[in-house]
C-alpha cells in the first residue's frame, strides 16, 4: 500500500459507519476484492494517529462476538479531512498516469 493510503481508506470506511479495527480491515479487504490486505501492525498505529489528529474518536462497546471492543467514528474534522485525502489521491493518480501514459 502506498504511504498515506491507509489513513485515507480508514477515513473512507468510517464515513459510512463506526467500526472496530477488525471490521475496518475486513471492509477495506472486501471493498477492494481482497486486492488490499490490511496488516494489523499498521492499522492500529494509523488509528492512533488519526485519533491524535482529532479525525476519529473512540468508544468502547460490545462487538458482534460479545467482546468489549474499541469502536472508531469520524469527527467533523475527520469528515473534512476525507476531502483533503481524496484531492491528494487524485493528484497522485494523475501524476502517475502522466508518467505511465504514452510519450
PDB file of N, CA and C in Angstrom:
ATOM      1  N   UNK A   1       0.844  -1.173   0.000  1.00  0.00           N
ATOM      2  CA  UNK A   1       0.000   0.000   0.000  1.00  0.00           C
ATOM      3  C   UNK A   1       0.894   1.243   0.000  1.00  0.00           C
ATOM      4  N   UNK A   2       0.514   2.234  -0.782  1.00  0.00           N
ATOM      5  CA  UNK A   2       1.293   3.465  -0.842  1.00  0.00           C
ATOM      6  C   UNK A   2       1.218   4.210   0.487  1.00  0.00           C
ATOM      7  N   UNK A   3       2.307   4.904   0.868  1.00  0.00           N
ATOM      8  CA  UNK A   3       2.281   5.668   2.116  1.00  0.00           C
ATOM      9  C   UNK A   3       1.119   6.666   2.132  1.00  0.00           C
ATOM     10  N   UNK A   4       0.440   6.738   3.264  1.00  0.00           N
ATOM     11  CA  UNK A   4      -0.680   7.651   3.410  1.00  0.00           C
ATOM     12  C   UNK A   4      -2.009   7.095   2.929  1.00  0.00           C
ATOM     13  N   UNK A   5      -1.967   6.026   2.152  1.00  0.00           N
ATOM     14  CA  UNK A   5      -3.192   5.443   1.606  1.00  0.00           C
ATOM     15  C   UNK A   5      -4.054   4.842   2.709  1.00  0.00           C
ATOM     16  N   UNK A   6      -3.423   4.210   3.683  1.00  0.00           N
ATOM     17  CA  UNK A   6      -4.182   3.567   4.753  1.00  0.00           C
ATOM     18  C   UNK A   6      -5.038   4.578   5.504  1.00  0.00           C
ATOM     19  N   UNK A   7      -4.482   5.741   5.814  1.00  0.00           N
ATOM     20  CA  UNK A   7      -5.269   6.772   6.502  1.00  0.00           C
ATOM     21  C   UNK A   7      -6.522   7.118   5.705  1.00  0.00           C
ATOM     22  N   UNK A   8      -6.343   7.328   4.412  1.00  0.00           N
ATOM     23  CA  UNK A   8      -7.464   7.689   3.542  1.00  0.00           C
ATOM     24  C   UNK A   8      -8.516   6.584   3.533  1.00  0.00           C
ATOM     25  N   UNK A   9      -8.084   5.335   3.439  1.00  0.00           N
ATOM     26  CA  UNK A   9      -9.017   4.220   3.397  1.00  0.00           C
ATOM     27  C   UNK A   9      -9.777   4.068   4.713  1.00  0.00           C
ATOM     28  N   UNK A  10      -9.086   4.237   5.820  1.00  0.00           N
ATOM     29  CA  UNK A  10      -9.740   4.162   7.129  1.00  0.00           C
ATOM     30  C   UNK A  10     -10.801   5.245   7.245  1.00  0.00           C
ATOM     31  N   UNK A  11     -10.445   6.467   6.884  1.00  0.00           N
ATOM     32  CA  UNK A  11     -11.410   7.566   6.964  1.00  0.00           C
ATOM     33  C   UNK A  11     -12.620   7.287   6.082  1.00  0.00           C
ATOM     34  N   UNK A  12     -12.384   6.745   4.905  1.00  0.00           N
ATOM     35  CA  UNK A  12     -13.493   6.445   3.992  1.00  0.00           C
ATOM     36  C   UNK A  12     -14.421   5.391   4.595  1.00  0.00           C
ATOM     37  N   UNK A  13     -13.848   4.332   5.145  1.00  0.00           N
ATOM     38  CA  UNK A  13     -14.665   3.294   5.782  1.00  0.00           C
ATOM     39  C   UNK A  13     -15.494   3.897   6.914  1.00  0.00           C
ATOM     40  N   UNK A  14     -14.865   4.721   7.726  1.00  0.00           N
ATOM     41  CA  UNK A  14     -15.566   5.295   8.872  1.00  0.00           C
ATOM     42  C   UNK A  14     -16.581   6.359   8.464  1.00  0.00           C
ATOM     43  N   UNK A  15     -16.516   6.825   7.228  1.00  0.00           N
ATOM     44  CA  UNK A  15     -17.522   7.789   6.768  1.00  0.00           C
ATOM     45  C   UNK A  15     -18.875   7.107   6.593  1.00  0.00           C
ATOM     46  N   UNK A  16     -18.856   5.797   6.491  1.00  0.00           N
ATOM     47  CA  UNK A  16     -20.094   5.033   6.304  1.00  0.00           C
ATOM     48  C   UNK A  16     -20.723   4.625   7.631  1.00  0.00           C
ATOM     49  N   UNK A  17     -19.869   4.218   8.597  1.00  0.00           N
ATOM     50  CA  UNK A  17     -20.372   3.823   9.912  1.00  0.00           C
ATOM     51  C   UNK A  17     -19.210   3.638  10.869  1.00  0.00           C
ATOM     52  N   UNK A  18     -19.519   3.679  12.174  1.00  0.00           N
ATOM     53  CA  UNK A  18     -18.461   3.414  13.148  1.00  0.00           C
ATOM     54  C   UNK A  18     -18.115   1.932  13.087  1.00  0.00           C
ATOM     55  N   UNK A  19     -16.867   1.618  13.425  1.00  0.00           N
ATOM     56  CA  UNK A  19     -16.414   0.235  13.311  1.00  0.00           C
ATOM     57  C   UNK A  19     -15.222   0.003  14.226  1.00  0.00           C
ATOM     58  N   UNK A  20     -15.009  -1.259  14.579  1.00  0.00           N
ATOM     59  CA  UNK A  20     -13.799  -1.588  15.334  1.00  0.00           C
ATOM     60  C   UNK A  20     -12.683  -1.919  14.337  1.00  0.00           C
ATOM     61  N   UNK A  21     -11.486  -2.125  14.849  1.00  0.00           N
ATOM     62  CA  UNK A  21     -10.343  -2.350  13.971  1.00  0.00           C
ATOM     63  C   UNK A  21     -10.509  -3.534  13.043  1.00  0.00           C
ATOM     64  N   UNK A  22     -10.994  -4.630  13.574  1.00  0.00           N
ATOM     65  CA  UNK A  22     -11.205  -5.821  12.752  1.00  0.00           C
ATOM     66  C   UNK A  22     -12.175  -5.527  11.612  1.00  0.00           C
ATOM     67  N   UNK A  23     -13.276  -4.844  11.930  1.00  0.00           N
ATOM     68  CA  UNK A  23     -14.275  -4.518  10.914  1.00  0.00           C
ATOM     69  C   UNK A  23     -13.711  -3.572   9.856  1.00  0.00           C
ATOM     70  N   UNK A  24     -12.889  -2.618  10.273  1.00  0.00           N
ATOM     71  CA  UNK A  24     -12.269  -1.689   9.320  1.00  0.00           C
ATOM     72  C   UNK A  24     -11.401  -2.466   8.332  1.00  0.00           C
ATOM     73  N   UNK A  25     -10.561  -3.342   8.852  1.00  0.00           N
ATOM     74  CA  UNK A  25      -9.680  -4.139   7.988  1.00  0.00           C
ATOM     75  C   UNK A  25     -10.495  -4.991   7.023  1.00  0.00           C
ATOM     76  N   UNK A  26     -11.543  -5.652   7.529  1.00  0.00           N
ATOM     77  CA  UNK A  26     -12.376  -6.503   6.681  1.00  0.00           C
ATOM     78  C   UNK A  26     -13.074  -5.698   5.586  1.00  0.00           C
ATOM     79  N   UNK A  27     -13.573  -4.507   5.931  1.00  0.00           N
ATOM     80  CA  UNK A  27     -14.262  -3.690   4.930  1.00  0.00           C
ATOM     81  C   UNK A  27     -13.309  -3.251   3.821  1.00  0.00           C
ATOM     82  N   UNK A  28     -12.087  -2.884   4.177  1.00  0.00           N
ATOM     83  CA  UNK A  28     -11.102  -2.490   3.164  1.00  0.00           C
ATOM     84  C   UNK A  28     -10.799  -3.681   2.259  1.00  0.00           C
ATOM     85  N   UNK A  29     -10.583  -4.836   2.860  1.00  0.00           N
ATOM     86  CA  UNK A  29     -10.279  -6.029   2.080  1.00  0.00           C
ATOM     87  C   UNK A  29     -11.450  -6.417   1.180  1.00  0.00           C
ATOM     88  N   UNK A  30     -12.653  -6.403   1.722  1.00  0.00           N
ATOM     89  CA  UNK A  30     -13.823  -6.784   0.930  1.00  0.00           C
ATOM     90  C   UNK A  30     -14.098  -5.798  -0.205  1.00  0.00           C
ATOM     91  N   UNK A  31     -14.052  -4.506   0.106  1.00  0.00           N
ATOM     92  CA  UNK A  31     -14.358  -3.500  -0.925  1.00  0.00           C
ATOM     93  C   UNK A  31     -13.308  -3.478  -2.025  1.00  0.00           C
ATOM     94  N   UNK A  32     -12.073  -3.892  -1.697  1.00  0.00           N
ATOM     95  CA  UNK A  32     -11.016  -3.948  -2.715  1.00  0.00           C
ATOM     96  C   UNK A  32     -10.968  -5.311  -3.392  1.00  0.00           C
ATOM     97  N   UNK A  33     -11.939  -6.170  -3.069  1.00  0.00           N
ATOM     98  CA  UNK A  33     -11.969  -7.543  -3.588  1.00  0.00           C
ATOM     99  C   UNK A  33     -10.670  -8.271  -3.272  1.00  0.00           C
ATOM    100  N   UNK A  34     -10.210  -8.072  -2.059  1.00  0.00           N
ATOM    101  CA  UNK A  34      -9.005  -8.689  -1.497  1.00  0.00           C
ATOM    102  C   UNK A  34      -7.702  -8.250  -2.169  1.00  0.00           C
ATOM    103  N   UNK A  35      -7.749  -7.196  -2.961  1.00  0.00           N
ATOM    104  CA  UNK A  35      -6.517  -6.670  -3.565  1.00  0.00           C
ATOM    105  C   UNK A  35      -5.676  -5.955  -2.504  1.00  0.00           C
ATOM    106  N   UNK A  36      -6.336  -5.392  -1.495  1.00  0.00           N
ATOM    107  CA  UNK A  36      -5.639  -4.695  -0.417  1.00  0.00           C
ATOM    108  C   UNK A  36      -5.796  -5.499   0.866  1.00  0.00           C
ATOM    109  N   UNK A  37      -4.682  -5.884   1.432  1.00  0.00           N
ATOM    110  CA  UNK A  37      -4.663  -6.597   2.703  1.00  0.00           C
ATOM    111  C   UNK A  37      -4.155  -5.641   3.776  1.00  0.00           C
ATOM    112  N   UNK A  38      -4.880  -5.542   4.865  1.00  0.00           N
ATOM    113  CA  UNK A  38      -4.524  -4.604   5.932  1.00  0.00           C
ATOM    114  C   UNK A  38      -3.796  -5.353   7.036  1.00  0.00           C
ATOM    115  N   UNK A  39      -2.562  -4.973   7.262  1.00  0.00           N
ATOM    116  CA  UNK A  39      -1.751  -5.548   8.329  1.00  0.00           C
ATOM    117  C   UNK A  39      -2.154  -4.878   9.640  1.00  0.00           C
ATOM    118  N   UNK A  40      -2.533  -5.670  10.617  1.00  0.00           N
ATOM    119  CA  UNK A  40      -2.977  -5.111  11.889  1.00  0.00           C
ATOM    120  C   UNK A  40      -1.852  -4.371  12.598  1.00  0.00           C
ATOM    121  N   UNK A  41      -0.608  -4.710  12.265  1.00  0.00           N
ATOM    122  CA  UNK A  41       0.536  -3.983  12.811  1.00  0.00           C
ATOM    123  C   UNK A  41       0.639  -2.567  12.267  1.00  0.00           C
ATOM    124  N   UNK A  42      -0.019  -2.294  11.153  1.00  0.00           N
ATOM    125  CA  UNK A  42      -0.082  -0.950  10.576  1.00  0.00           C
ATOM    126  C   UNK A  42      -1.397  -0.265  10.913  1.00  0.00           C
ATOM    127  N   UNK A  43      -2.458  -1.053  11.016  1.00  0.00           N
ATOM    128  CA  UNK A  43      -3.796  -0.493  11.233  1.00  0.00           C
ATOM    129  C   UNK A  43      -3.906   0.259  12.553  1.00  0.00           C
ATOM    130  N   UNK A  44      -3.512  -0.371  13.645  1.00  0.00           N
ATOM    131  CA  UNK A  44      -3.732   0.249  14.952  1.00  0.00           C
ATOM    132  C   UNK A  44      -2.868   1.492  15.181  1.00  0.00           C
ATOM    133  N   UNK A  45      -1.608   1.504  14.736  1.00  0.00           N
ATOM    134  CA  UNK A  45      -0.860   2.770  14.832  1.00  0.00           C
ATOM    135  C   UNK A  45      -1.507   3.881  13.989  1.00  0.00           C
ATOM    136  N   UNK A  46      -2.052   3.518  12.813  1.00  0.00           N
ATOM    137  CA  UNK A  46      -2.732   4.515  11.972  1.00  0.00           C
ATOM    138  C   UNK A  46      -3.969   5.051  12.683  1.00  0.00           C
ATOM    139  N   UNK A  47      -4.733   4.169  13.319  1.00  0.00           N
ATOM    140  CA  UNK A  47      -5.918   4.619  14.057  1.00  0.00           C
ATOM    141  C   UNK A  47      -5.533   5.553  15.205  1.00  0.00           C
ATOM    142  N   UNK A  48      -4.441   5.247  15.889  1.00  0.00           N
ATOM    143  CA  UNK A  48      -3.977   6.131  16.978  1.00  0.00           C
ATOM    144  C   UNK A  48      -3.565   7.499  16.431  1.00  0.00           C
ATOM    145  N   UNK A  49      -2.897   7.513  15.263  1.00  0.00           N
ATOM    146  CA  UNK A  49      -2.509   8.798  14.647  1.00  0.00           C
ATOM    147  C   UNK A  49      -3.745   9.602  14.254  1.00  0.00           C
ATOM    148  N   UNK A  50      -4.734   8.927  13.665  1.00  0.00           N
ATOM    149  CA  UNK A  50      -5.961   9.622  13.265  1.00  0.00           C
ATOM    150  C   UNK A  50      -6.676  10.196  14.487  1.00  0.00           C
ATOM    151  N   UNK A  51      -6.653   9.450  15.580  1.00  0.00           N
ATOM    152  CA  UNK A  51      -7.265   9.940  16.820  1.00  0.00           C
ATOM    153  C   UNK A  51      -6.478  11.129  17.375  1.00  0.00           C
ATOM    154  N   UNK A  52      -5.149  11.037  17.352  1.00  0.00           N
ATOM    155  CA  UNK A  52      -4.310  12.133  17.841  1.00  0.00           C
ATOM    156  C   UNK A  52      -4.509  13.404  17.016  1.00  0.00           C
ATOM    157  N   UNK A  53      -4.792  13.242  15.733  1.00  0.00           N
ATOM    158  CA  UNK A  53      -5.052  14.390  14.857  1.00  0.00           C
ATOM    159  C   UNK A  53      -6.459  14.952  15.038  1.00  0.00           C
ATOM    160  N   UNK A  54      -7.290  14.253  15.797  1.00  0.00           N
ATOM    161  CA  UNK A  54      -8.658  14.709  16.021  1.00  0.00           C
ATOM    162  C   UNK A  54      -9.614  14.334  14.907  1.00  0.00           C
ATOM    163  N   UNK A  55      -9.235  13.378  14.062  1.00  0.00           N
ATOM    164  CA  UNK A  55     -10.075  12.986  12.932  1.00  0.00           C
ATOM    165  C   UNK A  55     -11.008  11.833  13.259  1.00  0.00           C
ATOM    166  N   UNK A  56     -10.662  11.049  14.281  1.00  0.00           N
ATOM    167  CA  UNK A  56     -11.546   9.985  14.742  1.00  0.00           C
ATOM    168  C   UNK A  56     -11.643  10.054  16.260  1.00  0.00           C
ATOM    169  N   UNK A  57     -12.731   9.521  16.767  1.00  0.00           N
ATOM    170  CA  UNK A  57     -12.903   9.394  18.204  1.00  0.00           C
ATOM    171  C   UNK A  57     -13.269   7.954  18.505  1.00  0.00           C
ATOM    172  N   UNK A  58     -13.089   7.542  19.758  1.00  0.00           N
ATOM    173  CA  UNK A  58     -13.318   6.150  20.110  1.00  0.00           C
ATOM    174  C   UNK A  58     -14.310   6.024  21.256  1.00  0.00           C
ATOM    175  N   UNK A  59     -14.923   4.853  21.288  1.00  0.00           N
ATOM    176  CA  UNK A  59     -15.770   4.479  22.418  1.00  0.00           C
ATOM    177  C   UNK A  59     -15.720   2.964  22.543  1.00  0.00           C
ATOM    178  N   UNK A  60     -15.929   2.471  23.736  1.00  0.00           N
ATOM    179  CA  UNK A  60     -15.953   1.036  23.959  1.00  0.00           C
ATOM    180  C   UNK A  60     -17.383   0.540  23.857  1.00  0.00           C
ATOM    181  N   UNK A  61     -17.560  -0.608  23.186  1.00  0.00           N
ATOM    182  CA  UNK A  61     -18.885  -1.212  23.034  1.00  0.00           C
ATOM    183  C   UNK A  61     -18.698  -2.705  22.791  1.00  0.00           C
ATOM    184  N   UNK A  62     -19.790  -3.431  22.894  1.00  0.00           N
ATOM    185  CA  UNK A  62     -19.754  -4.873  22.636  1.00  0.00           C
ATOM    186  C   UNK A  62     -19.723  -5.135  21.124  1.00  0.00           C
ATOM    187  N   UNK A  63     -18.865  -6.024  20.725  1.00  0.00           N
ATOM    188  CA  UNK A  63     -18.777  -6.399  19.310  1.00  0.00           C
ATOM    189  C   UNK A  63     -19.819  -7.463  19.006  1.00  0.00           C
ATOM    190  N   UNK A  64     -19.899  -7.842  17.747  1.00  0.00           N
ATOM    191  CA  UNK A  64     -20.833  -8.890  17.321  1.00  0.00           C
ATOM    192  C   UNK A  64     -20.501 -10.233  17.958  1.00  0.00           C
ATOM    193  N   UNK A  65     -19.258 -10.388  18.413  1.00  0.00           N
ATOM    194  CA  UNK A  65     -18.838 -11.635  19.062  1.00  0.00           C
ATOM    195  C   UNK A  65     -18.904 -11.540  20.584  1.00  0.00           C
ATOM    196  N   UNK A  66     -19.657 -10.551  21.092  1.00  0.00           N
ATOM    197  CA  UNK A  66     -19.838 -10.337  22.536  1.00  0.00           C
ATOM    198  C   UNK A  66     -18.534 -10.068  23.279  1.00  0.00           C
ATOM    199  N   UNK A  67     -17.661  -9.341  22.637  1.00  0.00           N
ATOM    200  CA  UNK A  67     -16.411  -8.920  23.280  1.00  0.00           C
ATOM    201  C   UNK A  67     -16.396  -7.405  23.359  1.00  0.00           C
ATOM    202  N   UNK A  68     -15.788  -6.896  24.393  1.00  0.00           N
ATOM    203  CA  UNK A  68     -15.647  -5.460  24.531  1.00  0.00           C
ATOM    204  C   UNK A  68     -14.604  -4.992  23.513  1.00  0.00           C
ATOM    205  N   UNK A  69     -14.977  -4.073  22.645  1.00  0.00           N
ATOM    206  CA  UNK A  69     -14.081  -3.628  21.576  1.00  0.00           C
ATOM    207  C   UNK A  69     -14.114  -2.107  21.476  1.00  0.00           C
ATOM    208  N   UNK A  70     -13.015  -1.556  20.992  1.00  0.00           N
ATOM    209  CA  UNK A  70     -12.933  -0.120  20.762  1.00  0.00           C
ATOM    210  C   UNK A  70     -13.495   0.178  19.383  1.00  0.00           C
ATOM    211  N   UNK A  71     -14.489   1.037  19.337  1.00  0.00           N
ATOM    212  CA  UNK A  71     -15.113   1.443  18.080  1.00  0.00           C
ATOM    213  C   UNK A  71     -14.667   2.844  17.721  1.00  0.00           C
ATOM    214  N   UNK A  72     -14.401   3.033  16.446  1.00  0.00           N
ATOM    215  CA  UNK A  72     -13.911   4.305  15.920  1.00  0.00           C
ATOM    216  C   UNK A  72     -15.002   4.959  15.082  1.00  0.00           C
ATOM    217  N   UNK A  73     -15.106   6.277  15.189  1.00  0.00           N
ATOM    218  CA  UNK A  73     -16.040   7.027  14.352  1.00  0.00           C
ATOM    219  C   UNK A  73     -15.388   8.348  13.964  1.00  0.00           C
ATOM    220  N   UNK A  74     -15.872   8.916  12.876  1.00  0.00           N
ATOM    221  CA  UNK A  74     -15.321  10.180  12.386  1.00  0.00           C
ATOM    222  C   UNK A  74     -15.799  11.353  13.217  1.00  0.00           C
ATOM    223  N   UNK A  75     -14.920  12.326  13.347  1.00  0.00           N
ATOM    224  CA  UNK A  75     -15.296  13.616  13.912  1.00  0.00           C
ATOM    225  C   UNK A  75     -15.609  14.547  12.741  1.00  0.00           C
ATOM    226  N   UNK A  76     -16.076  15.743  13.042  1.00  0.00           N
ATOM    227  CA  UNK A  76     -16.316  16.733  11.978  1.00  0.00           C
ATOM    228  C   UNK A  76     -15.015  17.033  11.234  1.00  0.00           C
ATOM    229  N   UNK A  77     -13.917  17.127  11.982  1.00  0.00           N
ATOM    230  CA  UNK A  77     -12.618  17.371  11.350  1.00  0.00           C
ATOM    231  C   UNK A  77     -12.227  16.200  10.446  1.00  0.00           C
ATOM    232  N   UNK A  78     -12.581  14.994  10.842  1.00  0.00           N
ATOM    233  CA  UNK A  78     -12.300  13.815  10.023  1.00  0.00           C
ATOM    234  C   UNK A  78     -13.065  13.837   8.721  1.00  0.00           C
ATOM    235  N   UNK A  79     -14.308  14.304   8.773  1.00  0.00           N
ATOM    236  CA  UNK A  79     -15.113  14.412   7.537  1.00  0.00           C
ATOM    237  C   UNK A  79     -14.468  15.408   6.570  1.00  0.00           C
ATOM    238  N   UNK A  80     -13.944  16.494   7.098  1.00  0.00           N
ATOM    239  CA  UNK A  80     -13.251  17.472   6.248  1.00  0.00           C
ATOM    240  C   UNK A  80     -11.969  16.872   5.684  1.00  0.00           C
ATOM    241  N   UNK A  81     -11.283  16.090   6.507  1.00  0.00           N
ATOM    242  CA  UNK A  81     -10.010  15.503   6.084  1.00  0.00           C
ATOM    243  C   UNK A  81     -10.186  14.533   4.935  1.00  0.00           C
ATOM    244  N   UNK A  82     -11.332  13.859   4.867  1.00  0.00           N
ATOM    245  CA  UNK A  82     -11.575  12.947   3.741  1.00  0.00           C
ATOM    246  C   UNK A  82     -11.449  13.709   2.423  1.00  0.00           C
ATOM    247  N   UNK A  83     -11.988  14.911   2.350  1.00  0.00           N
ATOM    248  CA  UNK A  83     -11.870  15.715   1.130  1.00  0.00           C
ATOM    249  C   UNK A  83     -10.429  16.020   0.792  1.00  0.00           C
ATOM    250  N   UNK A  84      -9.636  16.349   1.801  1.00  0.00           N
ATOM    251  CA  UNK A  84      -8.213  16.614   1.593  1.00  0.00           C
ATOM    252  C   UNK A  84      -7.522  15.366   1.059  1.00  0.00           C
ATOM    253  N   UNK A  85      -7.814  14.232   1.682  1.00  0.00           N
ATOM    254  CA  UNK A  85      -7.192  12.970   1.273  1.00  0.00           C
ATOM    255  C   UNK A  85      -7.599  12.584  -0.149  1.00  0.00           C
ATOM    256  N   UNK A  86      -8.865  12.788  -0.506  1.00  0.00           N
ATOM    257  CA  UNK A  86      -9.323  12.482  -1.870  1.00  0.00           C
ATOM    258  C   UNK A  86      -8.587  13.334  -2.892  1.00  0.00           C
ATOM    259  N   UNK A  87      -8.435  14.614  -2.602  1.00  0.00           N
ATOM    260  CA  UNK A  87      -7.721  15.503  -3.525  1.00  0.00           C
ATOM    261  C   UNK A  87      -6.272  15.069  -3.693  1.00  0.00           C
ATOM    262  N   UNK A  88      -5.612  14.719  -2.600  1.00  0.00           N
ATOM    263  CA  UNK A  88      -4.221  14.240  -2.684  1.00  0.00           C
ATOM    264  C   UNK A  88      -4.153  12.975  -3.533  1.00  0.00           C
ATOM    265  N   UNK A  89      -5.108  12.069  -3.323  1.00  0.00           N
ATOM    266  CA  UNK A  89      -5.125  10.821  -4.081  1.00  0.00           C
ATOM    267  C   UNK A  89      -5.304  11.091  -5.572  1.00  0.00           C
ATOM    268  N   UNK A  90      -6.252  11.954  -5.909  1.00  0.00           N
ATOM    269  CA  UNK A  90      -6.487  12.275  -7.325  1.00  0.00           C
ATOM    270  C   UNK A  90      -5.239  12.881  -7.962  1.00  0.00           C
ATOM    271  N   UNK A  91      -4.579  13.778  -7.236  1.00  0.00           N
ATOM    272  CA  UNK A  91      -3.344  14.385  -7.755  1.00  0.00           C
ATOM    273  C   UNK A  91      -2.259  13.335  -7.964  1.00  0.00           C
ATOM    274  N   UNK A  92      -2.121  12.401  -7.031  1.00  0.00           N
ATOM    275  CA  UNK A  92      -1.110  11.351  -7.156  1.00  0.00           C
ATOM    276  C   UNK A  92      -1.420  10.439  -8.333  1.00  0.00           C
ATOM    277  N   UNK A  93      -2.680  10.047  -8.485  1.00  0.00           N
ATOM    278  CA  UNK A  93      -3.073   9.178  -9.602  1.00  0.00           C
ATOM    279  C   UNK A  93      -2.826   9.886 -10.925  1.00  0.00           C
ATOM    280  N   UNK A  94      -3.160  11.157 -10.997  1.00  0.00           N
ATOM    281  CA  UNK A  94      -2.947  11.926 -12.224  1.00  0.00           C
ATOM    282  C   UNK A  94      -1.458  12.017 -12.554  1.00  0.00           C
ATOM    283  N   UNK A  95      -0.635  12.265 -11.541  1.00  0.00           N
ATOM    284  CA  UNK A  95       0.810  12.369 -11.767  1.00  0.00           C
ATOM    285  C   UNK A  95       1.386  11.043 -12.263  1.00  0.00           C
ATOM    286  N   UNK A  96       0.992   9.948 -11.645  1.00  0.00           N
ATOM    287  CA  UNK A  96       1.482   8.631 -12.073  1.00  0.00           C
ATOM    288  C   UNK A  96       0.978   8.319 -13.478  1.00  0.00           C
ATOM    289  N   UNK A  97      -0.266   8.672 -13.768  1.00  0.00           N
ATOM    290  CA  UNK A  97      -0.838   8.430 -15.099  1.00  0.00           C
ATOM    291  C   UNK A  97      -0.056   9.191 -16.170  1.00  0.00           C
ATOM    292  N   UNK A  98       0.363  10.413 -15.858  1.00  0.00           N
ATOM    293  CA  UNK A  98       1.142  11.198 -16.821  1.00  0.00           C
ATOM    294  C   UNK A  98       2.481  10.515 -17.101  1.00  0.00           C
ATOM    295  N   UNK A  99       3.098   9.976 -16.072  1.00  0.00           N
ATOM    296  CA  UNK A  99       4.380   9.313 -16.263  1.00  0.00           C
ATOM    297  C   UNK A  99       4.205   7.997 -17.018  1.00  0.00           C
ATOM    298  N   UNK A 100       3.169   7.249 -16.680  1.00  0.00           N
ATOM    299  CA  UNK A 100       2.970   5.935 -17.273  1.00  0.00           C
ATOM    300  C   UNK A 100       2.292   5.969 -18.629  1.00  0.00           C
ATOM    301  N   UNK A 101       1.695   7.073 -18.978  1.00  0.00           N
ATOM    302  CA  UNK A 101       0.975   7.177 -20.241  1.00  0.00           C
ATOM    303  C   UNK A 101       1.897   7.214 -21.448  1.00  0.00           C
ATOM    304  N   UNK A 102       1.308   7.227 -22.629  1.00  0.00           N
ATOM    305  CA  UNK A 102       2.122   7.267 -23.848  1.00  0.00           C
ATOM    306  C   UNK A 102       2.942   8.551 -23.917  1.00  0.00           C
ATOM    307  N   UNK A 103       4.102   8.438 -24.494  1.00  0.00           N
ATOM    308  CA  UNK A 103       5.017   9.595 -24.582  1.00  0.00           C
ATOM    309  C   UNK A 103       4.589  10.541 -25.681  1.00  0.00           C
TER     310      UNK A 103
END
